[in-house]
Amino acid sequence: MKLVVVTGLSGAGKSQALRALEDMGFYCVDNLPPMLIPNMARLCMEHGNLIDKVALGIDTRSGAFFGETDEALDELPPDGEQIDRFLQSKLHGRSPEDKEKKRLTDALLRRGFSWGEVRSAWSRYGSEIWEE
């Protein structure tokens, strides 16, 4: 899952930026309290292919909530863990055939993960891939 966080003061153009991201296929949520960022990310990851690009708008004047933004972002799982969850949800512990491995690799690359991240995930899964 690709996550973009848009911050700024009221009137700075966050909503306009979110509209542009929505046009690019992102699922957008404006004015989300920072403490809900990890929950939103987990919810999106649980839905696999349905929501793979998310943009969140956060007002920098959210009062007491804004101080929690860094803490909330620190709670997000690392990219490698996201790839591992994706592979586990698709393969359910079985070894993939070459065609399926290529299809899943392509899907991860389209989601913005690097070749190195994807190759490392396959290695953790006990499988190798080679760049074409």
C-alpha atoms as a PDB file:
ATOM      1  CA  MET A   1       0.000   0.000   0.000  1.00  0.00           C
ATOM      2  CA  LYS A   2       1.245   3.471  -0.868  1.00  0.00           C
ATOM      3  CA  LEU A   3       0.421   6.102   1.783  1.00  0.00           C
ATOM      4  CA  VAL A   4       0.691   9.854   1.201  1.00  0.00           C
ATOM      5  CA  VAL A   5       0.172  12.294   4.087  1.00  0.00           C
ATOM      6  CA  VAL A   6      -0.703  15.871   3.084  1.00  0.00           C
ATOM      7  CA  THR A   7      -0.277  18.454   5.848  1.00  0.00           C
ATOM      8  CA  GLY A   8      -0.569  22.206   6.067  1.00  0.00           C
ATOM      9  CA  LEU A   9      -2.490  25.090   7.524  1.00  0.00           C
ATOM     10  CA  SER A  10      -6.130  25.666   6.722  1.00  0.00           C
ATOM     11  CA  GLY A  11      -6.370  27.241   3.247  1.00  0.00           C
ATOM     12  CA  ALA A  12      -2.917  26.028   2.168  1.00  0.00           C
ATOM     13  CA  GLY A  13      -4.305  23.763  -0.566  1.00  0.00           C
ATOM     14  CA  LYS A  14      -4.545  20.377   1.166  1.00  0.00           C
ATOM     15  CA  SER A  15      -8.017  19.707  -0.220  1.00  0.00           C
ATOM     16  CA  GLN A  16      -6.893  20.669  -3.716  1.00  0.00           C
ATOM     17  CA  ALA A  17      -3.888  18.334  -3.414  1.00  0.00           C
ATOM     18  CA  LEU A  18      -6.160  15.531  -2.200  1.00  0.00           C
ATOM     19  CA  ARG A  19      -8.495  16.069  -5.176  1.00  0.00           C
ATOM     20  CA  ALA A  20      -5.520  15.737  -7.530  1.00  0.00           C
ATOM     21  CA  LEU A  21      -4.417  12.554  -5.753  1.00  0.00           C
ATOM     22  CA  GLU A  22      -7.971  11.226  -5.958  1.00  0.00           C
ATOM     23  CA  ASP A  23      -7.853  11.813  -9.728  1.00  0.00           C
ATOM     24  CA  MET A  24      -4.679   9.682  -9.718  1.00  0.00           C
ATOM     25  CA  GLY A  25      -6.531   6.778  -8.103  1.00  0.00           C
ATOM     26  CA  PHE A  26      -5.843   7.419  -4.424  1.00  0.00           C
ATOM     27  CA  TYR A  27      -8.465   6.808  -1.749  1.00  0.00           C
ATOM     28  CA  CYS A  28      -8.492  10.162   0.090  1.00  0.00           C
ATOM     29  CA  VAL A  29      -9.531  11.121   3.605  1.00  0.00           C
ATOM     30  CA  ASP A  30      -9.421  14.762   4.665  1.00  0.00           C
ATOM     31  CA  ASN A  31      -9.135  16.021   8.266  1.00  0.00           C
ATOM     32  CA  LEU A  32      -8.259  12.635   9.740  1.00  0.00           C
ATOM     33  CA  PRO A  33      -7.090  12.928  13.372  1.00  0.00           C
ATOM     34  CA  PRO A  34      -3.458  11.749  13.433  1.00  0.00           C
ATOM     35  CA  MET A  35      -4.159   9.107  16.084  1.00  0.00           C
ATOM     36  CA  LEU A  36      -6.312   7.273  13.492  1.00  0.00           C
ATOM     37  CA  ILE A  37      -3.549   6.986  10.856  1.00  0.00           C
ATOM     38  CA  PRO A  38      -2.367   3.505  11.975  1.00  0.00           C
ATOM     39  CA  ASN A  39      -5.963   2.205  12.119  1.00  0.00           C
ATOM     40  CA  MET A  40      -6.685   3.571   8.646  1.00  0.00           C
ATOM     41  CA  ALA A  41      -3.507   1.975   7.266  1.00  0.00           C
ATOM     42  CA  ARG A  42      -4.335  -1.408   8.836  1.00  0.00           C
ATOM     43  CA  LEU A  43      -7.881  -1.278   7.489  1.00  0.00           C
ATOM     44  CA  CYS A  44      -6.624  -0.579   3.967  1.00  0.00           C
ATOM     45  CA  MET A  45      -3.981  -3.316   4.146  1.00  0.00           C
ATOM     46  CA  GLU A  46      -6.597  -5.844   5.247  1.00  0.00           C
ATOM     47  CA  HIS A  47      -8.528  -5.173   2.046  1.00  0.00           C
ATOM     48  CA  GLY A  48      -5.582  -6.123  -0.195  1.00  0.00           C
ATOM     49  CA  ASN A  49      -6.172  -5.037  -3.773  1.00  0.00           C
ATOM     50  CA  LEU A  50      -9.241  -2.899  -3.083  1.00  0.00           C
ATOM     51  CA  ILE A  51      -7.377   0.004  -1.490  1.00  0.00           C
ATOM     52  CA  ASP A  52      -3.692   0.127  -2.444  1.00  0.00           C
ATOM     53  CA  LYS A  53      -3.121   3.906  -2.612  1.00  0.00           C
ATOM     54  CA  VAL A  54      -4.231   6.164   0.262  1.00  0.00           C
ATOM     55  CA  ALA A  55      -3.829   9.912   0.813  1.00  0.00           C
ATOM     56  CA  LEU A  56      -4.598  11.505   4.174  1.00  0.00           C
ATOM     57  CA  GLY A  57      -5.122  15.224   4.781  1.00  0.00           C
ATOM     58  CA  ILE A  58      -4.086  16.493   8.206  1.00  0.00           C
ATOM     59  CA  ASP A  59      -4.502  20.104   9.356  1.00  0.00           C
ATOM     60  CA  THR A  60      -1.375  21.321  11.165  1.00  0.00           C
ATOM     61  CA  ARG A  61      -3.637  23.266  13.520  1.00  0.00           C
ATOM     62  CA  SER A  62      -5.429  20.183  14.797  1.00  0.00           C
ATOM     63  CA  GLY A  63      -4.664  21.331  18.309  1.00  0.00           C
ATOM     64  CA  ALA A  64      -3.620  18.596  20.694  1.00  0.00           C
ATOM     65  CA  PHE A  65      -4.044  15.985  17.964  1.00  0.00           C
ATOM     66  CA  PHE A  66      -1.269  17.288  15.711  1.00  0.00           C
ATOM     67  CA  GLY A  67       1.454  16.508  18.239  1.00  0.00           C
ATOM     68  CA  GLU A  68       0.531  12.860  17.769  1.00  0.00           C
ATOM     69  CA  THR A  69       1.274  12.796  14.019  1.00  0.00           C
ATOM     70  CA  ASP A  70       4.904  11.646  14.341  1.00  0.00           C
ATOM     71  CA  GLU A  71       3.936   8.980  16.873  1.00  0.00           C
ATOM     72  CA  ALA A  72       1.112   7.747  14.623  1.00  0.00           C
ATOM     73  CA  LEU A  73       3.403   7.532  11.593  1.00  0.00           C
ATOM     74  CA  ASP A  74       5.966   5.597  13.658  1.00  0.00           C
ATOM     75  CA  GLU A  75       3.279   2.972  14.362  1.00  0.00           C
ATOM     76  CA  LEU A  76       2.877   2.126  10.664  1.00  0.00           C
ATOM     77  CA  PRO A  77       4.344  -1.221   9.631  1.00  0.00           C
ATOM     78  CA  PRO A  78       7.549  -1.030   7.585  1.00  0.00           C
ATOM     79  CA  ASP A  79       7.278  -1.544   3.820  1.00  0.00           C
ATOM     80  CA  GLY A  80       8.751  -5.032   4.024  1.00  0.00           C
ATOM     81  CA  GLU A  81       6.019  -6.109   6.412  1.00  0.00           C
ATOM     82  CA  GLN A  82       3.401  -4.756   4.017  1.00  0.00           C
ATOM     83  CA  ILE A  83       4.848  -6.836   1.178  1.00  0.00           C
ATOM     84  CA  ASP A  84       4.978  -9.925   3.407  1.00  0.00           C
ATOM     85  CA  ARG A  85       1.299  -9.489   4.338  1.00  0.00           C
ATOM     86  CA  PHE A  86       0.388  -9.062   0.675  1.00  0.00           C
ATOM     87  CA  LEU A  87       2.196 -12.264  -0.329  1.00  0.00           C
ATOM     88  CA  GLN A  88       0.738 -14.210   2.588  1.00  0.00           C
ATOM     89  CA  SER A  89      -2.790 -13.056   1.760  1.00  0.00           C
ATOM     90  CA  LYS A  90      -2.386 -14.186  -1.859  1.00  0.00           C
ATOM     91  CA  LEU A  91      -0.457 -17.428  -1.378  1.00  0.00           C
ATOM     92  CA  HIS A  92      -1.695 -18.725   2.004  1.00  0.00           C
ATOM     93  CA  GLY A  93       1.659 -20.409   2.689  1.00  0.00           C
ATOM     94  CA  ARG A  94       1.954 -22.320  -0.591  1.00  0.00           C
ATOM     95  CA  SER A  95       4.750 -21.967  -3.139  1.00  0.00           C
ATOM     96  CA  PRO A  96       3.706 -20.033  -6.246  1.00  0.00           C
ATOM     97  CA  GLU A  97       4.214 -21.162  -9.812  1.00  0.00           C
ATOM     98  CA  ASP A  98       6.433 -18.948 -11.996  1.00  0.00           C
ATOM     99  CA  LYS A  99       3.488 -17.214 -13.724  1.00  0.00           C
ATOM    100  CA  GLU A 100       1.846 -16.362 -10.408  1.00  0.00           C
ATOM    101  CA  LYS A 101       5.153 -15.174  -8.959  1.00  0.00           C
ATOM    102  CA  LYS A 102       5.612 -12.825 -11.933  1.00  0.00           C
ATOM    103  CA  ARG A 103       2.025 -11.541 -11.631  1.00  0.00           C
ATOM    104  CA  LEU A 104       2.425 -10.828  -7.898  1.00  0.00           C
ATOM    105  CA  THR A 105       5.853  -9.240  -8.423  1.00  0.00           C
ATOM    106  CA  ASP A 106       4.438  -6.950 -11.117  1.00  0.00           C
ATOM    107  CA  ALA A 107       1.555  -6.001  -8.807  1.00  0.00           C
ATOM    108  CA  LEU A 108       3.974  -5.021  -6.039  1.00  0.00           C
ATOM    109  CA  LEU A 109       6.144  -2.971  -8.408  1.00  0.00           C
ATOM    110  CA  ARG A 110       3.033  -1.141  -9.687  1.00  0.00           C
ATOM    111  CA  ARG A 111       2.204  -0.275  -6.074  1.00  0.00           C
ATOM    112  CA  GLY A 112       5.496   1.612  -5.801  1.00  0.00           C
ATOM    113  CA  PHE A 113       7.710  -0.901  -4.008  1.00  0.00           C
ATOM    114  CA  SER A 114      11.298  -1.062  -5.234  1.00  0.00           C
ATOM    115  CA  TRP A 115      12.806  -4.069  -6.976  1.00  0.00           C
ATOM    116  CA  GLY A 116      15.083  -4.632  -3.951  1.00  0.00           C
ATOM    117  CA  GLU A 117      12.167  -4.588  -1.496  1.00  0.00           C
ATOM    118  CA  VAL A 118      10.218  -7.096  -3.589  1.00  0.00           C
ATOM    119  CA  ARG A 119      13.238  -9.373  -4.086  1.00  0.00           C
ATOM    120  CA  SER A 120      13.928  -9.317  -0.310  1.00  0.00           C
ATOM    121  CA  ALA A 121      10.300 -10.230   0.433  1.00  0.00           C
ATOM    122  CA  TRP A 122      10.418 -13.198  -1.946  1.00  0.00           C
ATOM    123  CA  SER A 123      13.660 -14.274  -0.270  1.00  0.00           C
ATOM    124  CA  ARG A 124      11.973 -14.143   3.155  1.00  0.00           C
ATOM    125  CA  TYR A 125       9.161 -16.209   1.635  1.00  0.00           C
ATOM    126  CA  GLY A 126      11.733 -18.822   0.575  1.00  0.00           C
ATOM    127  CA  SER A 127      11.657 -18.038  -3.130  1.00  0.00           C
ATOM    128  CA  GLU A 128      13.953 -16.274  -5.571  1.00  0.00           C
ATOM    129  CA  ILE A 129      13.154 -13.856  -8.392  1.00  0.00           C
ATOM    130  CA  TRP A 130      15.374 -12.360 -11.056  1.00  0.00           C
ATOM    131  CA  GLU A 131      15.079  -9.015 -12.774  1.00  0.00           C
ATOM    132  CA  GLU A 132      14.107  -9.239 -16.430  1.00  0.00           C
END
